[in-house]
N, C-alpha and C. Protein backbone atom coordinates (compact mmCIF):
# COMPACT_ATOMS: atom_id res chain seq x y z
N MET A 1 21.35 20.47 9.05
CA MET A 1 20.04 20.78 8.52
C MET A 1 19.40 21.88 9.35
N SER A 2 18.57 22.63 8.72
CA SER A 2 17.88 23.70 9.43
C SER A 2 16.76 23.11 10.28
N ARG A 3 16.32 23.90 11.25
CA ARG A 3 15.24 23.44 12.12
C ARG A 3 13.96 23.17 11.34
N ARG A 4 13.70 23.99 10.34
CA ARG A 4 12.48 23.83 9.56
C ARG A 4 12.49 22.49 8.81
N VAL A 5 13.62 22.13 8.25
CA VAL A 5 13.72 20.86 7.52
C VAL A 5 13.57 19.70 8.49
N LEU A 6 14.21 19.78 9.66
CA LEU A 6 14.10 18.71 10.64
C LEU A 6 12.67 18.58 11.16
N LYS A 7 12.01 19.71 11.38
CA LYS A 7 10.62 19.67 11.84
C LYS A 7 9.71 19.04 10.78
N PHE A 8 9.94 19.43 9.50
CA PHE A 8 9.16 18.85 8.41
C PHE A 8 9.38 17.35 8.33
N ALA A 9 10.63 16.93 8.41
CA ALA A 9 10.94 15.50 8.33
C ALA A 9 10.31 14.75 9.50
N SER A 10 10.38 15.33 10.70
CA SER A 10 9.80 14.69 11.87
C SER A 10 8.29 14.57 11.74
N ASN A 11 7.63 15.64 11.31
CA ASN A 11 6.17 15.60 11.13
C ASN A 11 5.77 14.61 10.06
N THR A 12 6.54 14.59 8.98
CA THR A 12 6.23 13.67 7.89
C THR A 12 6.37 12.22 8.35
N LEU A 13 7.44 11.91 9.07
CA LEU A 13 7.63 10.55 9.56
C LEU A 13 6.54 10.16 10.56
N CYS A 14 6.11 11.11 11.39
CA CYS A 14 5.02 10.83 12.33
C CYS A 14 3.73 10.50 11.60
N ARG A 15 3.42 11.28 10.58
CA ARG A 15 2.20 11.02 9.79
C ARG A 15 2.29 9.68 9.08
N LEU A 16 3.47 9.39 8.55
CA LEU A 16 3.68 8.13 7.85
C LEU A 16 3.53 6.96 8.81
N LEU A 17 4.13 7.08 9.98
CA LEU A 17 4.02 6.02 10.97
C LEU A 17 2.57 5.82 11.38
N ALA A 18 1.82 6.90 11.54
CA ALA A 18 0.40 6.79 11.89
C ALA A 18 -0.37 6.05 10.81
N ALA A 19 -0.08 6.36 9.56
CA ALA A 19 -0.77 5.68 8.45
C ALA A 19 -0.44 4.20 8.42
N VAL A 20 0.83 3.88 8.65
CA VAL A 20 1.25 2.47 8.66
C VAL A 20 0.60 1.74 9.83
N LEU A 21 0.54 2.39 10.97
CA LEU A 21 -0.11 1.76 12.13
C LEU A 21 -1.59 1.52 11.87
N LEU A 22 -2.24 2.47 11.21
CA LEU A 22 -3.65 2.27 10.87
C LEU A 22 -3.81 1.09 9.92
N ALA A 23 -2.91 0.98 8.97
CA ALA A 23 -2.96 -0.17 8.06
C ALA A 23 -2.74 -1.47 8.83
N GLY A 24 -1.83 -1.43 9.78
CA GLY A 24 -1.57 -2.61 10.60
C GLY A 24 -2.77 -2.99 11.45
N LEU A 25 -3.42 -1.98 12.02
CA LEU A 25 -4.62 -2.26 12.81
C LEU A 25 -5.72 -2.84 11.94
N ALA A 26 -5.84 -2.33 10.74
CA ALA A 26 -6.85 -2.88 9.83
C ALA A 26 -6.53 -4.33 9.50
N ALA A 27 -5.26 -4.65 9.39
CA ALA A 27 -4.86 -6.02 9.08
C ALA A 27 -5.17 -6.97 10.24
N CYS A 28 -5.28 -6.44 11.44
CA CYS A 28 -5.58 -7.27 12.61
C CYS A 28 -7.06 -7.48 12.83
N SER A 29 -7.88 -6.92 12.00
CA SER A 29 -9.32 -7.03 12.15
C SER A 29 -9.75 -8.49 12.12
N SER A 30 -10.71 -8.83 12.94
CA SER A 30 -11.16 -10.22 13.00
C SER A 30 -12.15 -10.57 11.90
N SER A 31 -12.69 -9.58 11.21
CA SER A 31 -13.67 -9.83 10.17
C SER A 31 -12.98 -10.29 8.90
N ASN A 32 -13.55 -11.28 8.23
CA ASN A 32 -12.96 -11.80 7.00
C ASN A 32 -13.82 -11.50 5.78
N THR A 33 -14.68 -10.53 5.86
CA THR A 33 -15.52 -10.22 4.72
C THR A 33 -14.68 -9.65 3.59
N GLY A 34 -15.17 -9.82 2.38
CA GLY A 34 -14.45 -9.30 1.21
C GLY A 34 -14.26 -7.80 1.26
N ASP A 35 -15.27 -7.07 1.73
CA ASP A 35 -15.15 -5.62 1.81
C ASP A 35 -14.05 -5.21 2.78
N LYS A 36 -13.98 -5.86 3.92
CA LYS A 36 -12.95 -5.54 4.92
C LYS A 36 -11.56 -5.86 4.36
N GLN A 37 -11.44 -6.99 3.68
CA GLN A 37 -10.16 -7.36 3.10
C GLN A 37 -9.73 -6.36 2.04
N ALA A 38 -10.68 -5.93 1.22
CA ALA A 38 -10.37 -4.95 0.18
C ALA A 38 -9.97 -3.62 0.82
N GLN A 39 -10.64 -3.23 1.90
CA GLN A 39 -10.29 -1.99 2.59
C GLN A 39 -8.87 -2.07 3.14
N LYS A 40 -8.50 -3.22 3.70
CA LYS A 40 -7.14 -3.40 4.22
C LYS A 40 -6.12 -3.27 3.10
N ALA A 41 -6.43 -3.87 1.96
CA ALA A 41 -5.51 -3.80 0.83
C ALA A 41 -5.37 -2.37 0.33
N LYS A 42 -6.49 -1.64 0.23
CA LYS A 42 -6.43 -0.23 -0.20
C LYS A 42 -5.65 0.60 0.81
N SER A 43 -5.84 0.34 2.08
CA SER A 43 -5.12 1.08 3.12
C SER A 43 -3.61 0.81 3.02
N ALA A 44 -3.25 -0.43 2.81
CA ALA A 44 -1.83 -0.78 2.68
C ALA A 44 -1.24 -0.12 1.43
N ALA A 45 -1.99 -0.12 0.34
CA ALA A 45 -1.50 0.51 -0.90
C ALA A 45 -1.33 2.02 -0.71
N ASN A 46 -2.29 2.66 -0.04
CA ASN A 46 -2.17 4.10 0.23
C ASN A 46 -0.98 4.40 1.15
N SER A 47 -0.76 3.54 2.13
CA SER A 47 0.40 3.71 3.01
C SER A 47 1.70 3.59 2.21
N ALA A 48 1.73 2.63 1.29
CA ALA A 48 2.93 2.45 0.46
C ALA A 48 3.18 3.69 -0.40
N ILE A 49 2.12 4.26 -0.95
CA ILE A 49 2.27 5.47 -1.77
C ILE A 49 2.86 6.60 -0.93
N MET A 50 2.32 6.80 0.28
CA MET A 50 2.84 7.86 1.14
C MET A 50 4.30 7.61 1.50
N LEU A 51 4.62 6.36 1.76
CA LEU A 51 6.00 6.03 2.11
C LEU A 51 6.94 6.27 0.94
N ILE A 52 6.54 5.87 -0.24
CA ILE A 52 7.37 6.10 -1.44
C ILE A 52 7.56 7.59 -1.66
N ASP A 53 6.49 8.36 -1.53
CA ASP A 53 6.60 9.81 -1.68
C ASP A 53 7.60 10.41 -0.69
N ASN A 54 7.51 9.98 0.55
CA ASN A 54 8.42 10.50 1.57
C ASN A 54 9.85 10.02 1.37
N TRP A 55 10.03 8.79 0.97
CA TRP A 55 11.38 8.29 0.70
C TRP A 55 11.99 9.04 -0.48
N THR A 56 11.21 9.23 -1.54
CA THR A 56 11.69 9.93 -2.72
C THR A 56 12.09 11.37 -2.38
N ALA A 57 11.34 12.00 -1.48
CA ALA A 57 11.63 13.38 -1.06
C ALA A 57 12.79 13.45 -0.06
N GLY A 58 13.28 12.29 0.38
CA GLY A 58 14.37 12.27 1.34
C GLY A 58 13.93 12.41 2.78
N ALA A 59 12.64 12.31 3.03
CA ALA A 59 12.11 12.48 4.37
C ALA A 59 12.02 11.18 5.16
N ALA A 60 12.23 10.05 4.51
CA ALA A 60 12.21 8.76 5.19
C ALA A 60 13.50 8.02 4.86
N PRO A 61 14.20 7.53 5.87
CA PRO A 61 15.44 6.80 5.63
C PRO A 61 15.18 5.50 4.87
N SER A 62 16.13 5.10 4.05
CA SER A 62 15.96 3.91 3.22
C SER A 62 15.70 2.65 4.03
N HIS A 63 16.42 2.47 5.13
CA HIS A 63 16.23 1.24 5.92
C HIS A 63 14.82 1.18 6.52
N TYR A 64 14.30 2.32 6.95
CA TYR A 64 12.95 2.38 7.50
C TYR A 64 11.93 2.13 6.37
N ALA A 65 12.12 2.79 5.24
CA ALA A 65 11.19 2.64 4.12
C ALA A 65 11.16 1.20 3.63
N ALA A 66 12.33 0.58 3.49
CA ALA A 66 12.38 -0.81 3.00
C ALA A 66 11.69 -1.75 3.98
N ALA A 67 11.94 -1.59 5.27
CA ALA A 67 11.31 -2.46 6.26
C ALA A 67 9.79 -2.28 6.29
N THR A 68 9.34 -1.05 6.17
CA THR A 68 7.90 -0.78 6.17
C THR A 68 7.26 -1.34 4.92
N LEU A 69 7.91 -1.15 3.77
CA LEU A 69 7.38 -1.71 2.52
C LEU A 69 7.35 -3.23 2.57
N ARG A 70 8.31 -3.85 3.22
CA ARG A 70 8.32 -5.31 3.37
C ARG A 70 7.09 -5.75 4.16
N SER A 71 6.77 -5.02 5.23
CA SER A 71 5.60 -5.34 6.03
C SER A 71 4.31 -5.16 5.23
N LEU A 72 4.23 -4.06 4.48
CA LEU A 72 3.05 -3.82 3.64
C LEU A 72 2.94 -4.88 2.55
N ALA A 73 4.08 -5.29 2.00
CA ALA A 73 4.07 -6.34 0.97
C ALA A 73 3.54 -7.65 1.54
N GLN A 74 3.89 -7.95 2.79
CA GLN A 74 3.37 -9.16 3.43
C GLN A 74 1.86 -9.07 3.63
N THR A 75 1.39 -7.90 4.02
CA THR A 75 -0.05 -7.69 4.19
C THR A 75 -0.77 -7.91 2.86
N LEU A 76 -0.21 -7.35 1.80
CA LEU A 76 -0.83 -7.49 0.48
C LEU A 76 -0.72 -8.92 -0.04
N ALA A 77 0.37 -9.60 0.26
CA ALA A 77 0.51 -11.00 -0.15
C ALA A 77 -0.52 -11.88 0.57
N ASP A 78 -0.77 -11.58 1.84
CA ASP A 78 -1.82 -12.31 2.57
C ASP A 78 -3.19 -12.07 1.93
N TYR A 79 -3.45 -10.83 1.58
CA TYR A 79 -4.71 -10.49 0.90
C TYR A 79 -4.81 -11.27 -0.41
N GLU A 80 -3.72 -11.28 -1.17
CA GLU A 80 -3.74 -11.99 -2.45
C GLU A 80 -4.02 -13.47 -2.26
N ARG A 81 -3.39 -14.10 -1.26
CA ARG A 81 -3.62 -15.54 -1.01
C ARG A 81 -5.09 -15.80 -0.69
N ARG A 82 -5.69 -14.92 0.11
CA ARG A 82 -7.11 -15.09 0.44
C ARG A 82 -7.99 -14.93 -0.80
N ILE A 83 -7.68 -13.94 -1.61
CA ILE A 83 -8.48 -13.67 -2.81
C ILE A 83 -8.35 -14.80 -3.82
N GLN A 84 -7.15 -15.34 -3.99
CA GLN A 84 -6.93 -16.38 -4.98
C GLN A 84 -7.75 -17.63 -4.69
N THR A 85 -8.04 -17.89 -3.41
CA THR A 85 -8.83 -19.07 -3.05
C THR A 85 -10.31 -18.75 -2.85
N ALA A 86 -10.67 -17.48 -2.93
CA ALA A 86 -12.06 -17.08 -2.72
C ALA A 86 -12.85 -17.15 -4.02
N ASP A 87 -14.14 -17.12 -3.87
CA ASP A 87 -15.04 -17.13 -5.03
C ASP A 87 -15.26 -15.68 -5.48
N VAL A 88 -14.24 -15.13 -6.17
CA VAL A 88 -14.31 -13.76 -6.67
C VAL A 88 -13.95 -13.77 -8.16
N SER A 89 -14.19 -12.65 -8.79
CA SER A 89 -13.95 -12.54 -10.23
C SER A 89 -12.45 -12.59 -10.55
N ALA A 90 -12.16 -12.95 -11.78
CA ALA A 90 -10.77 -12.97 -12.27
C ALA A 90 -10.13 -11.59 -12.19
N PRO A 91 -10.85 -10.50 -12.53
CA PRO A 91 -10.23 -9.17 -12.38
C PRO A 91 -9.84 -8.85 -10.93
N SER A 92 -10.63 -9.30 -9.96
CA SER A 92 -10.29 -9.08 -8.55
C SER A 92 -9.02 -9.83 -8.19
N LYS A 93 -8.88 -11.03 -8.72
CA LYS A 93 -7.67 -11.81 -8.46
C LYS A 93 -6.45 -11.16 -9.11
N ARG A 94 -6.62 -10.64 -10.33
CA ARG A 94 -5.51 -9.94 -10.99
C ARG A 94 -5.12 -8.68 -10.23
N LEU A 95 -6.10 -7.97 -9.71
CA LEU A 95 -5.85 -6.75 -8.95
C LEU A 95 -5.04 -7.06 -7.69
N ALA A 96 -5.40 -8.14 -7.00
CA ALA A 96 -4.66 -8.54 -5.80
C ALA A 96 -3.21 -8.87 -6.16
N LEU A 97 -3.01 -9.55 -7.27
CA LEU A 97 -1.66 -9.88 -7.73
C LEU A 97 -0.89 -8.61 -8.08
N GLN A 98 -1.54 -7.66 -8.73
CA GLN A 98 -0.88 -6.40 -9.10
C GLN A 98 -0.42 -5.64 -7.85
N LEU A 99 -1.23 -5.64 -6.82
CA LEU A 99 -0.85 -4.97 -5.57
C LEU A 99 0.38 -5.63 -4.95
N THR A 100 0.38 -6.95 -4.91
CA THR A 100 1.52 -7.67 -4.33
C THR A 100 2.79 -7.40 -5.14
N GLU A 101 2.68 -7.45 -6.46
CA GLU A 101 3.85 -7.20 -7.30
C GLU A 101 4.36 -5.76 -7.14
N ALA A 102 3.45 -4.81 -7.04
CA ALA A 102 3.85 -3.40 -6.85
C ALA A 102 4.59 -3.23 -5.52
N ALA A 103 4.11 -3.88 -4.49
CA ALA A 103 4.76 -3.79 -3.18
C ALA A 103 6.16 -4.39 -3.22
N GLU A 104 6.30 -5.51 -3.90
CA GLU A 104 7.63 -6.13 -4.01
C GLU A 104 8.58 -5.25 -4.81
N ARG A 105 8.08 -4.64 -5.89
CA ARG A 105 8.92 -3.73 -6.69
C ARG A 105 9.31 -2.50 -5.88
N ALA A 106 8.38 -1.99 -5.09
CA ALA A 106 8.67 -0.80 -4.28
C ALA A 106 9.75 -1.11 -3.25
N GLU A 107 9.63 -2.23 -2.59
CA GLU A 107 10.65 -2.60 -1.61
C GLU A 107 12.02 -2.76 -2.28
N ASP A 108 12.03 -3.44 -3.41
CA ASP A 108 13.29 -3.62 -4.15
C ASP A 108 13.86 -2.27 -4.59
N ALA A 109 13.00 -1.38 -5.03
CA ALA A 109 13.45 -0.06 -5.49
C ALA A 109 14.11 0.73 -4.36
N VAL A 110 13.50 0.70 -3.19
CA VAL A 110 14.06 1.43 -2.05
C VAL A 110 15.37 0.78 -1.61
N THR A 111 15.40 -0.53 -1.58
CA THR A 111 16.61 -1.23 -1.17
C THR A 111 17.78 -0.92 -2.09
N THR A 112 17.50 -0.82 -3.39
CA THR A 112 18.58 -0.55 -4.36
C THR A 112 18.75 0.94 -4.66
N GLY A 113 17.86 1.77 -4.11
CA GLY A 113 17.96 3.22 -4.34
C GLY A 113 17.47 3.66 -5.70
N ASN A 114 16.62 2.86 -6.33
CA ASN A 114 16.13 3.14 -7.68
C ASN A 114 14.84 3.96 -7.60
N ARG A 115 14.99 5.28 -7.71
CA ARG A 115 13.83 6.18 -7.59
C ARG A 115 12.85 6.03 -8.75
N ALA A 116 13.35 5.73 -9.94
CA ALA A 116 12.46 5.55 -11.09
C ALA A 116 11.56 4.33 -10.88
N GLN A 117 12.14 3.24 -10.40
CA GLN A 117 11.36 2.04 -10.14
C GLN A 117 10.36 2.28 -9.01
N ALA A 118 10.75 3.05 -8.01
CA ALA A 118 9.83 3.40 -6.92
C ALA A 118 8.66 4.22 -7.47
N GLY A 119 8.96 5.14 -8.38
CA GLY A 119 7.91 5.94 -9.00
C GLY A 119 6.94 5.08 -9.79
N GLN A 120 7.46 4.07 -10.47
CA GLN A 120 6.59 3.18 -11.23
C GLN A 120 5.71 2.35 -10.29
N ALA A 121 6.28 1.89 -9.19
CA ALA A 121 5.50 1.14 -8.20
C ALA A 121 4.39 2.03 -7.62
N ARG A 122 4.73 3.29 -7.34
CA ARG A 122 3.73 4.24 -6.84
C ARG A 122 2.58 4.37 -7.84
N GLN A 123 2.90 4.49 -9.11
CA GLN A 123 1.87 4.60 -10.13
C GLN A 123 1.03 3.32 -10.22
N ASP A 124 1.68 2.18 -10.08
CA ASP A 124 0.95 0.91 -10.08
C ASP A 124 -0.04 0.84 -8.91
N PHE A 125 0.39 1.32 -7.74
CA PHE A 125 -0.52 1.37 -6.60
C PHE A 125 -1.71 2.29 -6.88
N ARG A 126 -1.43 3.46 -7.45
CA ARG A 126 -2.52 4.40 -7.75
C ARG A 126 -3.51 3.81 -8.75
N THR A 127 -2.99 3.13 -9.75
CA THR A 127 -3.86 2.49 -10.74
C THR A 127 -4.73 1.43 -10.08
N ALA A 128 -4.14 0.63 -9.21
CA ALA A 128 -4.89 -0.42 -8.53
C ALA A 128 -5.96 0.18 -7.62
N ILE A 129 -5.63 1.24 -6.92
CA ILE A 129 -6.61 1.89 -6.04
C ILE A 129 -7.77 2.44 -6.87
N ALA A 130 -7.47 2.99 -8.03
CA ALA A 130 -8.54 3.49 -8.91
C ALA A 130 -9.43 2.34 -9.36
N LYS A 131 -8.84 1.19 -9.64
CA LYS A 131 -9.64 0.02 -10.03
C LYS A 131 -10.52 -0.44 -8.88
N PHE A 132 -9.99 -0.40 -7.65
CA PHE A 132 -10.80 -0.73 -6.48
C PHE A 132 -11.99 0.19 -6.40
N THR A 133 -11.77 1.48 -6.60
CA THR A 133 -12.84 2.47 -6.50
C THR A 133 -13.92 2.20 -7.54
N VAL A 134 -13.52 1.91 -8.76
CA VAL A 134 -14.49 1.60 -9.82
C VAL A 134 -15.23 0.32 -9.47
N SER A 135 -14.51 -0.68 -8.97
CA SER A 135 -15.12 -1.94 -8.59
C SER A 135 -16.11 -1.73 -7.45
N ASP A 136 -15.74 -0.93 -6.44
CA ASP A 136 -16.65 -0.65 -5.33
C ASP A 136 -17.92 0.01 -5.83
N PHE A 137 -17.79 0.97 -6.74
CA PHE A 137 -18.95 1.67 -7.28
C PHE A 137 -19.87 0.67 -7.99
N ALA A 138 -19.29 -0.21 -8.78
CA ALA A 138 -20.10 -1.18 -9.52
C ALA A 138 -20.83 -2.13 -8.59
N VAL A 139 -20.18 -2.56 -7.51
CA VAL A 139 -20.81 -3.45 -6.56
C VAL A 139 -21.97 -2.76 -5.86
N HIS A 140 -21.76 -1.52 -5.40
CA HIS A 140 -22.82 -0.81 -4.70
C HIS A 140 -23.96 -0.42 -5.63
N ARG A 141 -23.63 -0.22 -6.87
CA ARG A 141 -24.68 0.14 -7.83
C ARG A 141 -25.59 -1.05 -8.12
N THR A 142 -25.01 -2.26 -8.20
CA THR A 142 -25.82 -3.44 -8.50
C THR A 142 -26.41 -4.09 -7.26
N ASN A 143 -25.80 -3.82 -6.08
CA ASN A 143 -26.29 -4.40 -4.83
C ASN A 143 -26.54 -3.29 -3.82
N PRO A 144 -27.67 -2.58 -3.92
CA PRO A 144 -27.92 -1.44 -3.02
C PRO A 144 -28.02 -1.85 -1.57
């Protein structure tokens, strides 16, 4: 490989690792408020999107991508368990489930090398993040 490709891959992996670490730090937060939990879930989903993009481009090795997606899937599954038992709306519960399912599909896609399935999981994450954004706007609009 040329130096430029190796430098790009190295920089991309460093940025990806930083994003994953930030998501991990957010997951370690001691606060259990709904807003903090939603922020952690959005951060994990954004990290998964970046990882899928880098894996699809060949900048992240499959074993690293699968292990990272497994960790993000666990973070999202924890979020889903908390949401399912919380006093929140049915759409919020469905959104948490969608995030968990997307993470599981993404991990499976990387493990099996299925780029189309990874692309679909990426789109599912983007859709869920957009729903979070709309939900956040509605909450702040009704509760200034």
